[in-house]
Amino acid sequence: MLQVKEMEEKFMHDHIKFKGVSYPVRHLDLPEFGEVTVGTTDLEDRLFPNGEYVSREAENIDSIIFCYVSNKEIQLETSQLKTLVSNHAA
């Protein structure tokens, strides 16, 4: 299992690295959920492509991600992304 420090290092610079590929993530502070991390569906597809985690590391990463959005959506302005994620979680 990855230690907290190792996981924090993976999230430096608003990206997470998995199997040699860097995926963008966004950290948002949502009033109803607190601080959350949002990843892309590309990352989600790599973590469990056939409905099952590809590794324990994949499962650990997924446990940190609040929800997944498209590559286009991850680039939205913060307020727009917050609305999208809040609506998605509701």
N, C-alpha and C. Protein backbone atom coordinates (compact mmCIF):
# COMPACT_ATOMS: atom_id res chain seq x y z
N MET A 1 0.84 -1.18 0.00
CA MET A 1 0.00 0.00 0.00
C MET A 1 0.89 1.24 0.00
N LEU A 2 0.53 2.22 -0.80
CA LEU A 2 1.31 3.45 -0.87
C LEU A 2 1.16 4.25 0.40
N GLN A 3 2.25 4.77 0.88
CA GLN A 3 2.23 5.61 2.05
C GLN A 3 1.69 6.99 1.68
N VAL A 4 1.24 7.74 2.68
CA VAL A 4 0.66 9.06 2.44
C VAL A 4 1.66 9.95 1.72
N LYS A 5 2.91 9.95 2.15
CA LYS A 5 3.93 10.79 1.52
C LYS A 5 4.09 10.43 0.04
N GLU A 6 4.11 9.15 -0.27
CA GLU A 6 4.23 8.73 -1.67
C GLU A 6 3.04 9.21 -2.48
N MET A 7 1.83 9.14 -1.91
CA MET A 7 0.65 9.59 -2.62
C MET A 7 0.69 11.10 -2.81
N GLU A 8 1.15 11.83 -1.79
CA GLU A 8 1.25 13.29 -1.93
C GLU A 8 2.23 13.64 -3.05
N GLU A 9 3.33 12.92 -3.14
CA GLU A 9 4.31 13.17 -4.19
C GLU A 9 3.70 12.90 -5.57
N LYS A 10 2.84 11.90 -5.68
CA LYS A 10 2.20 11.59 -6.95
C LYS A 10 1.28 12.72 -7.41
N PHE A 11 0.74 13.50 -6.47
CA PHE A 11 -0.20 14.56 -6.80
C PHE A 11 0.46 15.93 -6.94
N MET A 12 1.77 16.01 -6.87
CA MET A 12 2.45 17.29 -7.02
C MET A 12 2.16 17.89 -8.38
N HIS A 13 2.07 19.19 -8.42
CA HIS A 13 1.88 19.94 -9.67
C HIS A 13 0.58 19.62 -10.39
N ASP A 14 -0.44 19.21 -9.64
CA ASP A 14 -1.76 18.96 -10.20
C ASP A 14 -1.78 17.88 -11.29
N HIS A 15 -0.92 16.93 -11.14
CA HIS A 15 -0.91 15.76 -12.01
C HIS A 15 -0.67 14.53 -11.15
N ILE A 16 -1.12 13.40 -11.63
CA ILE A 16 -0.80 12.15 -10.98
C ILE A 16 -0.17 11.26 -12.04
N LYS A 17 0.87 10.55 -11.64
CA LYS A 17 1.56 9.68 -12.57
C LYS A 17 1.17 8.24 -12.26
N PHE A 18 0.74 7.54 -13.30
CA PHE A 18 0.38 6.14 -13.17
C PHE A 18 0.91 5.37 -14.37
N LYS A 19 1.70 4.37 -14.10
CA LYS A 19 2.30 3.54 -15.15
C LYS A 19 3.01 4.39 -16.20
N GLY A 20 3.75 5.38 -15.71
CA GLY A 20 4.59 6.20 -16.59
C GLY A 20 3.88 7.31 -17.34
N VAL A 21 2.59 7.46 -17.13
CA VAL A 21 1.81 8.50 -17.82
C VAL A 21 1.31 9.50 -16.78
N SER A 22 1.39 10.78 -17.11
CA SER A 22 0.94 11.84 -16.22
C SER A 22 -0.48 12.26 -16.59
N TYR A 23 -1.37 12.29 -15.60
CA TYR A 23 -2.77 12.66 -15.81
C TYR A 23 -3.09 13.91 -14.98
N PRO A 24 -3.80 14.87 -15.55
CA PRO A 24 -4.15 16.07 -14.79
C PRO A 24 -5.18 15.76 -13.70
N VAL A 25 -5.04 16.44 -12.59
CA VAL A 25 -6.04 16.40 -11.53
C VAL A 25 -6.27 17.82 -11.06
N ARG A 26 -7.41 18.06 -10.46
CA ARG A 26 -7.72 19.37 -9.89
C ARG A 26 -8.16 19.17 -8.45
N HIS A 27 -7.72 20.07 -7.60
CA HIS A 27 -8.10 20.05 -6.19
C HIS A 27 -9.11 21.17 -5.98
N LEU A 28 -10.28 20.81 -5.50
CA LEU A 28 -11.36 21.78 -5.31
C LEU A 28 -11.83 21.76 -3.87
N ASP A 29 -12.26 22.91 -3.39
CA ASP A 29 -12.87 23.00 -2.08
C ASP A 29 -14.36 23.22 -2.30
N LEU A 30 -15.14 22.17 -2.05
CA LEU A 30 -16.58 22.23 -2.25
C LEU A 30 -17.27 22.36 -0.90
N PRO A 31 -18.16 23.35 -0.76
CA PRO A 31 -18.82 23.57 0.53
C PRO A 31 -19.49 22.31 1.11
N GLU A 32 -20.13 21.54 0.25
CA GLU A 32 -20.87 20.38 0.73
C GLU A 32 -20.01 19.13 0.95
N PHE A 33 -18.77 19.10 0.39
CA PHE A 33 -17.93 17.90 0.48
C PHE A 33 -16.54 18.18 1.04
N GLY A 34 -16.16 19.43 1.16
CA GLY A 34 -14.81 19.77 1.61
C GLY A 34 -13.83 19.74 0.45
N GLU A 35 -12.57 19.49 0.77
CA GLU A 35 -11.53 19.46 -0.26
C GLU A 35 -11.56 18.12 -0.98
N VAL A 36 -11.67 18.17 -2.30
CA VAL A 36 -11.74 16.94 -3.11
C VAL A 36 -10.74 17.02 -4.26
N THR A 37 -10.43 15.85 -4.80
CA THR A 37 -9.56 15.75 -5.96
C THR A 37 -10.36 15.17 -7.11
N VAL A 38 -10.27 15.82 -8.25
CA VAL A 38 -11.00 15.41 -9.45
C VAL A 38 -9.98 14.93 -10.48
N GLY A 39 -10.24 13.79 -11.08
CA GLY A 39 -9.37 13.24 -12.11
C GLY A 39 -10.08 13.17 -13.45
N THR A 40 -9.36 12.69 -14.45
CA THR A 40 -9.95 12.58 -15.78
C THR A 40 -10.42 11.14 -16.06
N THR A 41 -11.34 11.04 -16.98
CA THR A 41 -11.83 9.72 -17.36
C THR A 41 -10.72 8.89 -18.02
N ASP A 42 -9.72 9.55 -18.60
CA ASP A 42 -8.57 8.80 -19.14
C ASP A 42 -7.86 8.05 -18.02
N LEU A 43 -7.69 8.70 -16.87
CA LEU A 43 -7.07 8.04 -15.72
C LEU A 43 -7.97 6.91 -15.23
N GLU A 44 -9.26 7.21 -15.12
CA GLU A 44 -10.21 6.19 -14.67
C GLU A 44 -10.12 4.94 -15.55
N ASP A 45 -10.05 5.15 -16.87
CA ASP A 45 -9.97 4.03 -17.80
C ASP A 45 -8.69 3.21 -17.61
N ARG A 46 -7.60 3.85 -17.20
CA ARG A 46 -6.34 3.14 -16.95
C ARG A 46 -6.36 2.40 -15.62
N LEU A 47 -7.08 2.94 -14.64
CA LEU A 47 -7.11 2.32 -13.32
C LEU A 47 -7.92 1.02 -13.31
N PHE A 48 -9.06 1.02 -13.99
CA PHE A 48 -9.88 -0.19 -14.07
C PHE A 48 -10.57 -0.27 -15.43
N PRO A 49 -9.80 -0.69 -16.43
CA PRO A 49 -10.31 -0.72 -17.81
C PRO A 49 -11.46 -1.71 -18.06
N ASN A 50 -11.50 -2.78 -17.32
CA ASN A 50 -12.55 -3.79 -17.53
C ASN A 50 -13.43 -3.95 -16.31
N GLY A 51 -13.56 -2.87 -15.55
CA GLY A 51 -14.38 -2.92 -14.36
C GLY A 51 -13.66 -3.48 -13.14
N GLU A 52 -12.38 -3.83 -13.31
CA GLU A 52 -11.58 -4.33 -12.20
C GLU A 52 -10.27 -3.54 -12.15
N TYR A 53 -9.81 -3.27 -10.93
CA TYR A 53 -8.55 -2.55 -10.78
C TYR A 53 -7.40 -3.36 -11.37
N VAL A 54 -6.48 -2.65 -12.03
CA VAL A 54 -5.34 -3.32 -12.63
C VAL A 54 -4.25 -3.62 -11.60
N SER A 55 -4.32 -2.97 -10.44
CA SER A 55 -3.32 -3.19 -9.39
C SER A 55 -3.81 -2.59 -8.08
N ARG A 56 -3.09 -2.88 -7.03
CA ARG A 56 -3.39 -2.29 -5.73
C ARG A 56 -3.14 -0.78 -5.78
N GLU A 57 -2.10 -0.38 -6.52
CA GLU A 57 -1.82 1.05 -6.68
C GLU A 57 -3.00 1.75 -7.34
N ALA A 58 -3.58 1.13 -8.35
CA ALA A 58 -4.74 1.71 -9.03
C ALA A 58 -5.90 1.90 -8.06
N GLU A 59 -6.12 0.93 -7.22
CA GLU A 59 -7.20 1.02 -6.22
C GLU A 59 -6.93 2.14 -5.23
N ASN A 60 -5.67 2.28 -4.81
CA ASN A 60 -5.32 3.36 -3.87
C ASN A 60 -5.51 4.73 -4.49
N ILE A 61 -5.13 4.87 -5.74
CA ILE A 61 -5.31 6.15 -6.44
C ILE A 61 -6.80 6.46 -6.57
N ASP A 62 -7.58 5.48 -6.97
CA ASP A 62 -9.02 5.69 -7.13
C ASP A 62 -9.68 6.11 -5.82
N SER A 63 -9.18 5.61 -4.71
CA SER A 63 -9.79 5.96 -3.42
C SER A 63 -9.60 7.43 -3.07
N ILE A 64 -8.66 8.09 -3.71
CA ILE A 64 -8.37 9.50 -3.46
C ILE A 64 -9.18 10.41 -4.40
N ILE A 65 -9.58 9.89 -5.54
CA ILE A 65 -10.29 10.68 -6.54
C ILE A 65 -11.78 10.73 -6.19
N PHE A 66 -12.30 11.94 -6.07
CA PHE A 66 -13.71 12.14 -5.73
C PHE A 66 -14.61 11.78 -6.91
N CYS A 67 -14.24 12.25 -8.11
CA CYS A 67 -14.98 11.92 -9.31
C CYS A 67 -14.10 12.16 -10.53
N TYR A 68 -14.55 11.68 -11.66
CA TYR A 68 -13.81 11.79 -12.92
C TYR A 68 -14.61 12.63 -13.91
N VAL A 69 -13.90 13.46 -14.66
CA VAL A 69 -14.50 14.30 -15.70
C VAL A 69 -13.68 14.16 -16.97
N SER A 70 -14.20 14.65 -18.07
CA SER A 70 -13.49 14.55 -19.34
C SER A 70 -12.25 15.45 -19.34
N ASN A 71 -11.38 15.23 -20.32
CA ASN A 71 -10.18 16.07 -20.46
C ASN A 71 -10.55 17.53 -20.70
N LYS A 72 -11.63 17.75 -21.40
CA LYS A 72 -12.08 19.12 -21.65
C LYS A 72 -12.61 19.76 -20.37
N GLU A 73 -13.39 19.00 -19.62
CA GLU A 73 -13.99 19.53 -18.39
C GLU A 73 -12.95 19.84 -17.31
N ILE A 74 -11.88 19.07 -17.24
CA ILE A 74 -10.86 19.30 -16.21
C ILE A 74 -10.20 20.67 -16.39
N GLN A 75 -10.32 21.24 -17.60
CA GLN A 75 -9.72 22.53 -17.90
C GLN A 75 -10.67 23.72 -17.67
N LEU A 76 -11.89 23.44 -17.24
CA LEU A 76 -12.86 24.51 -17.00
C LEU A 76 -12.35 25.46 -15.91
N GLU A 77 -12.89 26.67 -15.91
CA GLU A 77 -12.62 27.60 -14.82
C GLU A 77 -13.05 26.93 -13.52
N THR A 78 -12.39 27.29 -12.45
CA THR A 78 -12.65 26.65 -11.16
C THR A 78 -14.12 26.69 -10.78
N SER A 79 -14.77 27.83 -10.92
CA SER A 79 -16.18 27.93 -10.52
C SER A 79 -17.06 27.01 -11.36
N GLN A 80 -16.78 26.90 -12.65
CA GLN A 80 -17.56 26.02 -13.52
C GLN A 80 -17.33 24.55 -13.16
N LEU A 81 -16.07 24.21 -12.88
CA LEU A 81 -15.76 22.83 -12.52
C LEU A 81 -16.41 22.47 -11.18
N LYS A 82 -16.41 23.40 -10.24
CA LYS A 82 -17.06 23.16 -8.95
C LYS A 82 -18.55 22.86 -9.16
N THR A 83 -19.21 23.65 -10.00
CA THR A 83 -20.63 23.43 -10.27
C THR A 83 -20.84 22.07 -10.90
N LEU A 84 -20.05 21.73 -11.89
CA LEU A 84 -20.16 20.45 -12.57
C LEU A 84 -19.99 19.29 -11.59
N VAL A 85 -18.95 19.35 -10.78
CA VAL A 85 -18.67 18.27 -9.84
C VAL A 85 -19.77 18.19 -8.78
N SER A 86 -20.22 19.30 -8.29
CA SER A 86 -21.30 19.30 -7.28
C SER A 86 -22.57 18.69 -7.86
N ASN A 87 -22.91 19.05 -9.08
CA ASN A 87 -24.10 18.49 -9.73
C ASN A 87 -23.94 17.00 -10.00
N HIS A 88 -22.74 16.61 -10.37
CA HIS A 88 -22.44 15.21 -10.66
C HIS A 88 -22.58 14.35 -9.39
N ALA A 89 -22.16 14.92 -8.26
CA ALA A 89 -22.18 14.19 -7.00
C ALA A 89 -23.57 14.14 -6.36
N ALA A 90 -24.43 15.04 -6.78
CA ALA A 90 -25.77 15.13 -6.15
C ALA A 90 -26.67 14.00 -6.57
